[in-house]
Amino acid sequence: VINSKILNKDGGFLRKGVTGDYKNKLS
C-alpha cells in the first residue's frame, strides 16, 4: 500500500502533528 521511497524520505501517515507547517512546505 505504501510507497517506501516516500515513507523513508518524508515519513508515514503521521509526520509531525504540527499546525501551520504549511509555511515550511508551500511557496
mmCIF file of all heavy atoms, coordinates in Angstrom:
data_MODEL
# 
_entry.id   MODEL 
# 
loop_
_atom_site.group_PDB 
_atom_site.id 
_atom_site.type_symbol 
_atom_site.label_atom_id 
_atom_site.label_alt_id 
_atom_site.label_comp_id 
_atom_site.label_asym_id 
_atom_site.label_entity_id 
_atom_site.label_seq_id 
_atom_site.pdbx_PDB_ins_code 
_atom_site.Cartn_x 
_atom_site.Cartn_y 
_atom_site.Cartn_z 
_atom_site.occupancy 
_atom_site.B_iso_or_equiv 
_atom_site.pdbx_formal_charge 
_atom_site.auth_seq_id 
_atom_site.auth_comp_id 
_atom_site.auth_asym_id 
_atom_site.auth_atom_id 
_atom_site.pdbx_PDB_model_num 
ATOM 1   N N   . VAL A 1 1  ? 0.822  -1.205 0.000  1.00 0.00 ? 1  VAL A N   1 
ATOM 2   C CA  . VAL A 1 1  ? 0.000  0.000  0.000  1.00 0.00 ? 1  VAL A CA  1 
ATOM 3   C C   . VAL A 1 1  ? 0.856  1.255  0.000  1.00 0.00 ? 1  VAL A C   1 
ATOM 4   O O   . VAL A 1 1  ? 0.523  2.246  -0.637 1.00 0.00 ? 1  VAL A O   1 
ATOM 5   C CB  . VAL A 1 1  ? -0.945 0.009  1.228  1.00 0.00 ? 1  VAL A CB  1 
ATOM 6   C CG1 . VAL A 1 1  ? -1.744 1.292  1.299  1.00 0.00 ? 1  VAL A CG1 1 
ATOM 7   C CG2 . VAL A 1 1  ? -1.855 -1.192 1.198  1.00 0.00 ? 1  VAL A CG2 1 
ATOM 8   N N   . ILE A 1 2  ? 1.957  1.224  0.703  1.00 0.00 ? 2  ILE A N   1 
ATOM 9   C CA  . ILE A 1 2  ? 2.781  2.407  0.942  1.00 0.00 ? 2  ILE A CA  1 
ATOM 10  C C   . ILE A 1 2  ? 3.963  2.460  -0.015 1.00 0.00 ? 2  ILE A C   1 
ATOM 11  O O   . ILE A 1 2  ? 4.644  1.468  -0.245 1.00 0.00 ? 2  ILE A O   1 
ATOM 12  C CB  . ILE A 1 2  ? 3.300  2.407  2.398  1.00 0.00 ? 2  ILE A CB  1 
ATOM 13  C CG1 . ILE A 1 2  ? 2.149  2.332  3.387  1.00 0.00 ? 2  ILE A CG1 1 
ATOM 14  C CG2 . ILE A 1 2  ? 4.188  3.606  2.675  1.00 0.00 ? 2  ILE A CG2 1 
ATOM 15  C CD1 . ILE A 1 2  ? 1.179  3.478  3.311  1.00 0.00 ? 2  ILE A CD1 1 
ATOM 16  N N   . ASN A 1 3  ? 4.226  3.637  -0.544 1.00 0.00 ? 3  ASN A N   1 
ATOM 17  C CA  . ASN A 1 3  ? 5.401  3.877  -1.363 1.00 0.00 ? 3  ASN A CA  1 
ATOM 18  C C   . ASN A 1 3  ? 6.583  4.027  -0.406 1.00 0.00 ? 3  ASN A C   1 
ATOM 19  O O   . ASN A 1 3  ? 6.725  5.052  0.261  1.00 0.00 ? 3  ASN A O   1 
ATOM 20  C CB  . ASN A 1 3  ? 5.184  5.148  -2.193 1.00 0.00 ? 3  ASN A CB  1 
ATOM 21  C CG  . ASN A 1 3  ? 6.361  5.478  -3.069 1.00 0.00 ? 3  ASN A CG  1 
ATOM 22  O OD1 . ASN A 1 3  ? 7.505  5.220  -2.736 1.00 0.00 ? 3  ASN A OD1 1 
ATOM 23  N ND2 . ASN A 1 3  ? 6.074  6.094  -4.213 1.00 0.00 ? 3  ASN A ND2 1 
ATOM 24  N N   . SER A 1 4  ? 7.429  3.015  -0.323 1.00 0.00 ? 4  SER A N   1 
ATOM 25  C CA  . SER A 1 4  ? 8.512  3.012  0.664  1.00 0.00 ? 4  SER A CA  1 
ATOM 26  C C   . SER A 1 4  ? 9.529  4.124  0.421  1.00 0.00 ? 4  SER A C   1 
ATOM 27  O O   . SER A 1 4  ? 10.141 4.626  1.360  1.00 0.00 ? 4  SER A O   1 
ATOM 28  C CB  . SER A 1 4  ? 9.203  1.650  0.707  1.00 0.00 ? 4  SER A CB  1 
ATOM 29  O OG  . SER A 1 4  ? 9.703  1.310  -0.564 1.00 0.00 ? 4  SER A OG  1 
ATOM 30  N N   . LYS A 1 5  ? 9.705  4.559  -0.821 1.00 0.00 ? 5  LYS A N   1 
ATOM 31  C CA  . LYS A 1 5  ? 10.631 5.655  -1.114 1.00 0.00 ? 5  LYS A CA  1 
ATOM 32  C C   . LYS A 1 5  ? 10.126 6.952  -0.458 1.00 0.00 ? 5  LYS A C   1 
ATOM 33  O O   . LYS A 1 5  ? 10.891 7.673  0.178  1.00 0.00 ? 5  LYS A O   1 
ATOM 34  C CB  . LYS A 1 5  ? 10.753 5.846  -2.623 1.00 0.00 ? 5  LYS A CB  1 
ATOM 35  C CG  . LYS A 1 5  ? 11.788 6.885  -3.008 1.00 0.00 ? 5  LYS A CG  1 
ATOM 36  C CD  . LYS A 1 5  ? 11.677 7.303  -4.462 1.00 0.00 ? 5  LYS A CD  1 
ATOM 37  C CE  . LYS A 1 5  ? 12.448 6.436  -5.393 1.00 0.00 ? 5  LYS A CE  1 
ATOM 38  N NZ  . LYS A 1 5  ? 12.470 6.966  -6.773 1.00 0.00 ? 5  LYS A NZ  1 
ATOM 39  N N   . ILE A 1 6  ? 8.839  7.235  -0.573 1.00 0.00 ? 6  ILE A N   1 
ATOM 40  C CA  . ILE A 1 6  ? 8.249  8.424  0.057  1.00 0.00 ? 6  ILE A CA  1 
ATOM 41  C C   . ILE A 1 6  ? 8.254  8.266  1.579  1.00 0.00 ? 6  ILE A C   1 
ATOM 42  O O   . ILE A 1 6  ? 8.560  9.208  2.308  1.00 0.00 ? 6  ILE A O   1 
ATOM 43  C CB  . ILE A 1 6  ? 6.817  8.670  -0.457 1.00 0.00 ? 6  ILE A CB  1 
ATOM 44  C CG1 . ILE A 1 6  ? 6.810  8.924  -1.966 1.00 0.00 ? 6  ILE A CG1 1 
ATOM 45  C CG2 . ILE A 1 6  ? 6.142  9.810  0.297  1.00 0.00 ? 6  ILE A CG2 1 
ATOM 46  C CD1 . ILE A 1 6  ? 7.577  10.151 -2.407 1.00 0.00 ? 6  ILE A CD1 1 
ATOM 47  N N   . LEU A 1 7  ? 7.921  7.076  2.069  1.00 0.00 ? 7  LEU A N   1 
ATOM 48  C CA  . LEU A 1 7  ? 7.922  6.803  3.507  1.00 0.00 ? 7  LEU A CA  1 
ATOM 49  C C   . LEU A 1 7  ? 9.288  7.118  4.113  1.00 0.00 ? 7  LEU A C   1 
ATOM 50  O O   . LEU A 1 7  ? 9.390  7.808  5.130  1.00 0.00 ? 7  LEU A O   1 
ATOM 51  C CB  . LEU A 1 7  ? 7.544  5.345  3.760  1.00 0.00 ? 7  LEU A CB  1 
ATOM 52  C CG  . LEU A 1 7  ? 7.599  4.862  5.204  1.00 0.00 ? 7  LEU A CG  1 
ATOM 53  C CD1 . LEU A 1 7  ? 6.486  5.503  6.019  1.00 0.00 ? 7  LEU A CD1 1 
ATOM 54  C CD2 . LEU A 1 7  ? 7.494  3.348  5.252  1.00 0.00 ? 7  LEU A CD2 1 
ATOM 55  N N   . ASN A 1 8  ? 10.343 6.635  3.499  1.00 0.00 ? 8  ASN A N   1 
ATOM 56  C CA  . ASN A 1 8  ? 11.698 6.848  4.018  1.00 0.00 ? 8  ASN A CA  1 
ATOM 57  C C   . ASN A 1 8  ? 12.157 8.300  3.876  1.00 0.00 ? 8  ASN A C   1 
ATOM 58  O O   . ASN A 1 8  ? 12.900 8.802  4.711  1.00 0.00 ? 8  ASN A O   1 
ATOM 59  C CB  . ASN A 1 8  ? 12.694 5.922  3.313  1.00 0.00 ? 8  ASN A CB  1 
ATOM 60  C CG  . ASN A 1 8  ? 12.443 4.467  3.645  1.00 0.00 ? 8  ASN A CG  1 
ATOM 61  O OD1 . ASN A 1 8  ? 11.944 4.141  4.721  1.00 0.00 ? 8  ASN A OD1 1 
ATOM 62  N ND2 . ASN A 1 8  ? 12.752 3.589  2.712  1.00 0.00 ? 8  ASN A ND2 1 
ATOM 63  N N   . LYS A 1 9  ? 11.692 8.983  2.841  1.00 0.00 ? 9  LYS A N   1 
ATOM 64  C CA  . LYS A 1 9  ? 12.111 10.369 2.601  1.00 0.00 ? 9  LYS A CA  1 
ATOM 65  C C   . LYS A 1 9  ? 11.321 11.365 3.443  1.00 0.00 ? 9  LYS A C   1 
ATOM 66  O O   . LYS A 1 9  ? 11.894 12.247 4.073  1.00 0.00 ? 9  LYS A O   1 
ATOM 67  C CB  . LYS A 1 9  ? 11.933 10.695 1.121  1.00 0.00 ? 9  LYS A CB  1 
ATOM 68  C CG  . LYS A 1 9  ? 12.324 12.101 0.749  1.00 0.00 ? 9  LYS A CG  1 
ATOM 69  C CD  . LYS A 1 9  ? 12.155 12.343 -0.755 1.00 0.00 ? 9  LYS A CD  1 
ATOM 70  C CE  . LYS A 1 9  ? 12.466 13.774 -1.082 1.00 0.00 ? 9  LYS A CE  1 
ATOM 71  N NZ  . LYS A 1 9  ? 11.310 14.533 -1.485 1.00 0.00 ? 9  LYS A NZ  1 
ATOM 72  N N   . ASP A 1 10 ? 9.983  11.215 3.464  1.00 0.00 ? 10 ASP A N   1 
ATOM 73  C CA  . ASP A 1 10 ? 9.124  12.237 4.060  1.00 0.00 ? 10 ASP A CA  1 
ATOM 74  C C   . ASP A 1 10 ? 8.324  11.775 5.270  1.00 0.00 ? 10 ASP A C   1 
ATOM 75  O O   . ASP A 1 10 ? 7.634  12.573 5.887  1.00 0.00 ? 10 ASP A O   1 
ATOM 76  C CB  . ASP A 1 10 ? 8.138  12.775 3.008  1.00 0.00 ? 10 ASP A CB  1 
ATOM 77  C CG  . ASP A 1 10 ? 8.847  13.461 1.864  1.00 0.00 ? 10 ASP A CG  1 
ATOM 78  O OD1 . ASP A 1 10 ? 9.894  14.098 2.111  1.00 0.00 ? 10 ASP A OD1 1 
ATOM 79  O OD2 . ASP A 1 10 ? 8.364  13.366 0.722  1.00 0.00 ? 10 ASP A OD2 1 
ATOM 80  N N   . GLY A 1 11 ? 8.355  10.493 5.586  1.00 0.00 ? 11 GLY A N   1 
ATOM 81  C CA  . GLY A 1 11 ? 7.611  9.983  6.722  1.00 0.00 ? 11 GLY A CA  1 
ATOM 82  C C   . GLY A 1 11 ? 6.322  9.299  6.306  1.00 0.00 ? 11 GLY A C   1 
ATOM 83  O O   . GLY A 1 11 ? 5.963  9.279  5.133  1.00 0.00 ? 11 GLY A O   1 
ATOM 84  N N   . GLY A 1 12 ? 5.646  8.728  7.316  1.00 0.00 ? 12 GLY A N   1 
ATOM 85  C CA  . GLY A 1 12 ? 4.431  7.969  7.071  1.00 0.00 ? 12 GLY A CA  1 
ATOM 86  C C   . GLY A 1 12 ? 3.189  8.826  7.121  1.00 0.00 ? 12 GLY A C   1 
ATOM 87  O O   . GLY A 1 12 ? 3.232  10.042 6.896  1.00 0.00 ? 12 GLY A O   1 
ATOM 88  N N   . PHE A 1 13 ? 2.060  8.197  7.444  1.00 0.00 ? 13 PHE A N   1 
ATOM 89  C CA  . PHE A 1 13 ? 0.789  8.907  7.517  1.00 0.00 ? 13 PHE A CA  1 
ATOM 90  C C   . PHE A 1 13 ? 0.832  10.022 8.555  1.00 0.00 ? 13 PHE A C   1 
ATOM 91  O O   . PHE A 1 13 ? 0.266  11.084 8.369  1.00 0.00 ? 13 PHE A O   1 
ATOM 92  C CB  . PHE A 1 13 ? -0.356 7.950  7.868  1.00 0.00 ? 13 PHE A CB  1 
ATOM 93  C CG  . PHE A 1 13 ? -0.738 7.056  6.740  1.00 0.00 ? 13 PHE A CG  1 
ATOM 94  C CD1 . PHE A 1 13 ? -0.380 5.724  6.750  1.00 0.00 ? 13 PHE A CD1 1 
ATOM 95  C CD2 . PHE A 1 13 ? -1.459 7.538  5.658  1.00 0.00 ? 13 PHE A CD2 1 
ATOM 96  C CE1 . PHE A 1 13 ? -0.737 4.888  5.712  1.00 0.00 ? 13 PHE A CE1 1 
ATOM 97  C CE2 . PHE A 1 13 ? -1.817 6.722  4.610  1.00 0.00 ? 13 PHE A CE2 1 
ATOM 98  C CZ  . PHE A 1 13 ? -1.451 5.390  4.635  1.00 0.00 ? 13 PHE A CZ  1 
ATOM 99  N N   . LEU A 1 14 ? 1.479  9.764  9.658  1.00 0.00 ? 14 LEU A N   1 
ATOM 100 C CA  . LEU A 1 14 ? 1.568  10.741 10.752 1.00 0.00 ? 14 LEU A CA  1 
ATOM 101 C C   . LEU A 1 14 ? 2.991  11.290 10.781 1.00 0.00 ? 14 LEU A C   1 
ATOM 102 O O   . LEU A 1 14 ? 3.898  10.670 11.300 1.00 0.00 ? 14 LEU A O   1 
ATOM 103 C CB  . LEU A 1 14 ? 1.201  10.069 12.072 1.00 0.00 ? 14 LEU A CB  1 
ATOM 104 C CG  . LEU A 1 14 ? -0.186 9.423  12.079 1.00 0.00 ? 14 LEU A CG  1 
ATOM 105 C CD1 . LEU A 1 14 ? -0.361 8.535  13.293 1.00 0.00 ? 14 LEU A CD1 1 
ATOM 106 C CD2 . LEU A 1 14 ? -1.256 10.485 12.046 1.00 0.00 ? 14 LEU A CD2 1 
ATOM 107 N N   . ARG A 1 15 ? 3.181  12.466 10.215 1.00 0.00 ? 15 ARG A N   1 
ATOM 108 C CA  . ARG A 1 15 ? 4.529  13.004 10.069 1.00 0.00 ? 15 ARG A CA  1 
ATOM 109 C C   . ARG A 1 15 ? 4.966  13.831 11.263 1.00 0.00 ? 15 ARG A C   1 
ATOM 110 O O   . ARG A 1 15 ? 5.971  13.542 11.892 1.00 0.00 ? 15 ARG A O   1 
ATOM 111 C CB  . ARG A 1 15 ? 4.637  13.841 8.794  1.00 0.00 ? 15 ARG A CB  1 
ATOM 112 C CG  . ARG A 1 15 ? 4.476  13.021 7.536  1.00 0.00 ? 15 ARG A CG  1 
ATOM 113 C CD  . ARG A 1 15 ? 4.451  13.862 6.268  1.00 0.00 ? 15 ARG A CD  1 
ATOM 114 N NE  . ARG A 1 15 ? 3.424  14.892 6.342  1.00 0.00 ? 15 ARG A NE  1 
ATOM 115 C CZ  . ARG A 1 15 ? 3.670  16.205 6.377  1.00 0.00 ? 15 ARG A CZ  1 
ATOM 116 N NH1 . ARG A 1 15 ? 4.896  16.650 6.326  1.00 0.00 ? 15 ARG A NH1 1 
ATOM 117 N NH2 . ARG A 1 15 ? 2.691  17.070 6.449  1.00 0.00 ? 15 ARG A NH2 1 
ATOM 118 N N   . LYS A 1 16 ? 4.221  14.910 11.583 1.00 0.00 ? 16 LYS A N   1 
ATOM 119 C CA  . LYS A 1 16 ? 4.653  15.833 12.634 1.00 0.00 ? 16 LYS A CA  1 
ATOM 120 C C   . LYS A 1 16 ? 3.573  16.135 13.655 1.00 0.00 ? 16 LYS A C   1 
ATOM 121 O O   . LYS A 1 16 ? 3.881  16.352 14.811 1.00 0.00 ? 16 LYS A O   1 
ATOM 122 C CB  . LYS A 1 16 ? 5.104  17.169 12.023 1.00 0.00 ? 16 LYS A CB  1 
ATOM 123 C CG  . LYS A 1 16 ? 6.394  17.116 11.261 1.00 0.00 ? 16 LYS A CG  1 
ATOM 124 C CD  . LYS A 1 16 ? 6.781  18.513 10.825 1.00 0.00 ? 16 LYS A CD  1 
ATOM 125 C CE  . LYS A 1 16 ? 8.100  18.512 10.108 1.00 0.00 ? 16 LYS A CE  1 
ATOM 126 N NZ  . LYS A 1 16 ? 8.466  19.875 9.716  1.00 0.00 ? 16 LYS A NZ  1 
ATOM 127 N N   . GLY A 1 17 ? 2.352  16.277 13.220 1.00 0.00 ? 17 GLY A N   1 
ATOM 128 C CA  . GLY A 1 17 ? 1.282  16.671 14.127 1.00 0.00 ? 17 GLY A CA  1 
ATOM 129 C C   . GLY A 1 17 ? 1.377  18.134 14.506 1.00 0.00 ? 17 GLY A C   1 
ATOM 130 O O   . GLY A 1 17 ? 1.054  18.513 15.627 1.00 0.00 ? 17 GLY A O   1 
ATOM 131 N N   . VAL A 1 18 ? 1.829  18.970 13.575 1.00 0.00 ? 18 VAL A N   1 
ATOM 132 C CA  . VAL A 1 18 ? 2.051  20.385 13.844 1.00 0.00 ? 18 VAL A CA  1 
ATOM 133 C C   . VAL A 1 18 ? 1.123  21.227 12.967 1.00 0.00 ? 18 VAL A C   1 
ATOM 134 O O   . VAL A 1 18 ? 1.130  21.079 11.750 1.00 0.00 ? 18 VAL A O   1 
ATOM 135 C CB  . VAL A 1 18 ? 3.518  20.775 13.553 1.00 0.00 ? 18 VAL A CB  1 
ATOM 136 C CG1 . VAL A 1 18 ? 3.743  22.261 13.740 1.00 0.00 ? 18 VAL A CG1 1 
ATOM 137 C CG2 . VAL A 1 18 ? 4.468  19.968 14.426 1.00 0.00 ? 18 VAL A CG2 1 
ATOM 138 N N   . THR A 1 19 ? 0.357  22.094 13.600 1.00 0.00 ? 19 THR A N   1 
ATOM 139 C CA  . THR A 1 19 ? -0.488 23.028 12.864 1.00 0.00 ? 19 THR A CA  1 
ATOM 140 C C   . THR A 1 19 ? 0.367  24.161 12.323 1.00 0.00 ? 19 THR A C   1 
ATOM 141 O O   . THR A 1 19 ? 1.249  24.663 13.015 1.00 0.00 ? 19 THR A O   1 
ATOM 142 C CB  . THR A 1 19 ? -1.576 23.591 13.790 1.00 0.00 ? 19 THR A CB  1 
ATOM 143 O OG1 . THR A 1 19 ? -2.342 22.507 14.304 1.00 0.00 ? 19 THR A OG1 1 
ATOM 144 C CG2 . THR A 1 19 ? -2.479 24.561 13.059 1.00 0.00 ? 19 THR A CG2 1 
ATOM 145 N N   . GLY A 1 20 ? 0.108  24.554 11.087 1.00 0.00 ? 20 GLY A N   1 
ATOM 146 C CA  . GLY A 1 20 ? 0.824  25.679 10.489 1.00 0.00 ? 20 GLY A CA  1 
ATOM 147 C C   . GLY A 1 20 ? 2.105  25.300 9.776  1.00 0.00 ? 20 GLY A C   1 
ATOM 148 O O   . GLY A 1 20 ? 2.828  26.178 9.293  1.00 0.00 ? 20 GLY A O   1 
ATOM 149 N N   . ASP A 1 21 ? 2.402  24.011 9.659  1.00 0.00 ? 21 ASP A N   1 
ATOM 150 C CA  . ASP A 1 21 ? 3.635  23.581 8.991  1.00 0.00 ? 21 ASP A CA  1 
ATOM 151 C C   . ASP A 1 21 ? 3.605  23.876 7.492  1.00 0.00 ? 21 ASP A C   1 
ATOM 152 O O   . ASP A 1 21 ? 4.626  23.814 6.832  1.00 0.00 ? 21 ASP A O   1 
ATOM 153 C CB  . ASP A 1 21 ? 3.886  22.090 9.236  1.00 0.00 ? 21 ASP A CB  1 
ATOM 154 C CG  . ASP A 1 21 ? 5.289  21.666 8.857  1.00 0.00 ? 21 ASP A CG  1 
ATOM 155 O OD1 . ASP A 1 21 ? 6.242  22.404 9.178  1.00 0.00 ? 21 ASP A OD1 1 
ATOM 156 O OD2 . ASP A 1 21 ? 5.436  20.604 8.217  1.00 0.00 ? 21 ASP A OD2 1 
ATOM 157 N N   . TYR A 1 22 ? 2.431  24.243 6.978  1.00 0.00 ? 22 TYR A N   1 
ATOM 158 C CA  . TYR A 1 22 ? 2.345  24.599 5.560  1.00 0.00 ? 22 TYR A CA  1 
ATOM 159 C C   . TYR A 1 22 ? 3.337  25.717 5.231  1.00 0.00 ? 22 TYR A C   1 
ATOM 160 O O   . TYR A 1 22 ? 3.840  25.806 4.110  1.00 0.00 ? 22 TYR A O   1 
ATOM 161 C CB  . TYR A 1 22 ? 0.914  25.031 5.182  1.00 0.00 ? 22 TYR A CB  1 
ATOM 162 C CG  . TYR A 1 22 ? 0.496  26.355 5.760  1.00 0.00 ? 22 TYR A CG  1 
ATOM 163 C CD1 . TYR A 1 22 ? 0.777  27.540 5.098  1.00 0.00 ? 22 TYR A CD1 1 
ATOM 164 C CD2 . TYR A 1 22 ? -0.173 26.428 6.982  1.00 0.00 ? 22 TYR A CD2 1 
ATOM 165 C CE1 . TYR A 1 22 ? 0.399  28.766 5.635  1.00 0.00 ? 22 TYR A CE1 1 
ATOM 166 C CE2 . TYR A 1 22 ? -0.559 27.646 7.512  1.00 0.00 ? 22 TYR A CE2 1 
ATOM 167 C CZ  . TYR A 1 22 ? -0.264 28.806 6.843  1.00 0.00 ? 22 TYR A CZ  1 
ATOM 168 O OH  . TYR A 1 22 ? -0.634 30.010 7.377  1.00 0.00 ? 22 TYR A OH  1 
ATOM 169 N N   . LYS A 1 23 ? 3.668  26.569 6.214  1.00 0.00 ? 23 LYS A N   1 
ATOM 170 C CA  . LYS A 1 23 ? 4.596  27.683 5.993  1.00 0.00 ? 23 LYS A CA  1 
ATOM 171 C C   . LYS A 1 23 ? 5.981  27.178 5.588  1.00 0.00 ? 23 LYS A C   1 
ATOM 172 O O   . LYS A 1 23 ? 6.729  27.886 4.918  1.00 0.00 ? 23 LYS A O   1 
ATOM 173 C CB  . LYS A 1 23 ? 4.714  28.541 7.252  1.00 0.00 ? 23 LYS A CB  1 
ATOM 174 C CG  . LYS A 1 23 ? 3.422  29.236 7.627  1.00 0.00 ? 23 LYS A CG  1 
ATOM 175 C CD  . LYS A 1 23 ? 3.522  29.879 8.988  1.00 0.00 ? 23 LYS A CD  1 
ATOM 176 C CE  . LYS A 1 23 ? 2.162  30.304 9.476  1.00 0.00 ? 23 LYS A CE  1 
ATOM 177 N NZ  . LYS A 1 23 ? 2.113  30.561 10.889 1.00 0.00 ? 23 LYS A NZ  1 
ATOM 178 N N   . ASN A 1 24 ? 6.305  25.953 6.005  1.00 0.00 ? 24 ASN A N   1 
ATOM 179 C CA  . ASN A 1 24 ? 7.596  25.349 5.665  1.00 0.00 ? 24 ASN A CA  1 
ATOM 180 C C   . ASN A 1 24 ? 7.532  24.491 4.410  1.00 0.00 ? 24 ASN A C   1 
ATOM 181 O O   . ASN A 1 24 ? 8.571  24.039 3.927  1.00 0.00 ? 24 ASN A O   1 
ATOM 182 C CB  . ASN A 1 24 ? 8.081  24.476 6.826  1.00 0.00 ? 24 ASN A CB  1 
ATOM 183 C CG  . ASN A 1 24 ? 8.238  25.267 8.095  1.00 0.00 ? 24 ASN A CG  1 
ATOM 184 O OD1 . ASN A 1 24 ? 8.798  26.357 8.086  1.00 0.00 ? 24 ASN A OD1 1 
ATOM 185 N ND2 . ASN A 1 24 ? 7.737  24.737 9.187  1.00 0.00 ? 24 ASN A ND2 1 
ATOM 186 N N   . LYS A 1 25 ? 6.336  24.266 3.890  1.00 0.00 ? 25 LYS A N   1 
ATOM 187 C CA  . LYS A 1 25 ? 6.179  23.334 2.768  1.00 0.00 ? 25 LYS A CA  1 
ATOM 188 C C   . LYS A 1 25 ? 5.662  23.980 1.490  1.00 0.00 ? 25 LYS A C   1 
ATOM 189 O O   . LYS A 1 25 ? 5.885  23.460 0.410  1.00 0.00 ? 25 LYS A O   1 
ATOM 190 C CB  . LYS A 1 25 ? 5.204  22.206 3.158  1.00 0.00 ? 25 LYS A CB  1 
ATOM 191 C CG  . LYS A 1 25 ? 5.628  21.394 4.361  1.00 0.00 ? 25 LYS A CG  1 
ATOM 192 C CD  . LYS A 1 25 ? 6.805  20.525 4.034  1.00 0.00 ? 25 LYS A CD  1 
ATOM 193 C CE  . LYS A 1 25 ? 7.144  19.614 5.205  1.00 0.00 ? 25 LYS A CE  1 
ATOM 194 N NZ  . LYS A 1 25 ? 8.313  18.800 4.944  1.00 0.00 ? 25 LYS A NZ  1 
ATOM 195 N N   . LEU A 1 26 ? 4.924  25.085 1.610  1.00 0.00 ? 26 LEU A N   1 
ATOM 196 C CA  . LEU A 1 26 ? 4.318  25.723 0.447  1.00 0.00 ? 26 LEU A CA  1 
ATOM 197 C C   . LEU A 1 26 ? 5.056  27.002 0.076  1.00 0.00 ? 26 LEU A C   1 
ATOM 198 O O   . LEU A 1 26 ? 5.562  27.709 0.947  1.00 0.00 ? 26 LEU A O   1 
ATOM 199 C CB  . LEU A 1 26 ? 2.852  26.073 0.727  1.00 0.00 ? 26 LEU A CB  1 
ATOM 200 C CG  . LEU A 1 26 ? 1.905  24.924 1.034  1.00 0.00 ? 26 LEU A CG  1 
ATOM 201 C CD1 . LEU A 1 26 ? 0.516  25.468 1.379  1.00 0.00 ? 26 LEU A CD1 1 
ATOM 202 C CD2 . LEU A 1 26 ? 1.819  23.949 -0.127 1.00 0.00 ? 26 LEU A CD2 1 
ATOM 203 N N   . SER A 1 27 ? 5.064  27.301 -1.204 1.00 0.00 ? 27 SER A N   1 
ATOM 204 C CA  . SER A 1 27 ? 5.646  28.574 -1.656 1.00 0.00 ? 27 SER A CA  1 
ATOM 205 C C   . SER A 1 27 ? 4.689  29.709 -1.298 1.00 0.00 ? 27 SER A C   1 
ATOM 206 O O   . SER A 1 27 ? 3.497  29.483 -1.059 1.00 0.00 ? 27 SER A O   1 
ATOM 207 C CB  . SER A 1 27 ? 5.854  28.535 -3.173 1.00 0.00 ? 27 SER A CB  1 
ATOM 208 O OG  . SER A 1 27 ? 4.593  28.526 -3.837 1.00 0.00 ? 27 SER A OG  1 
# 
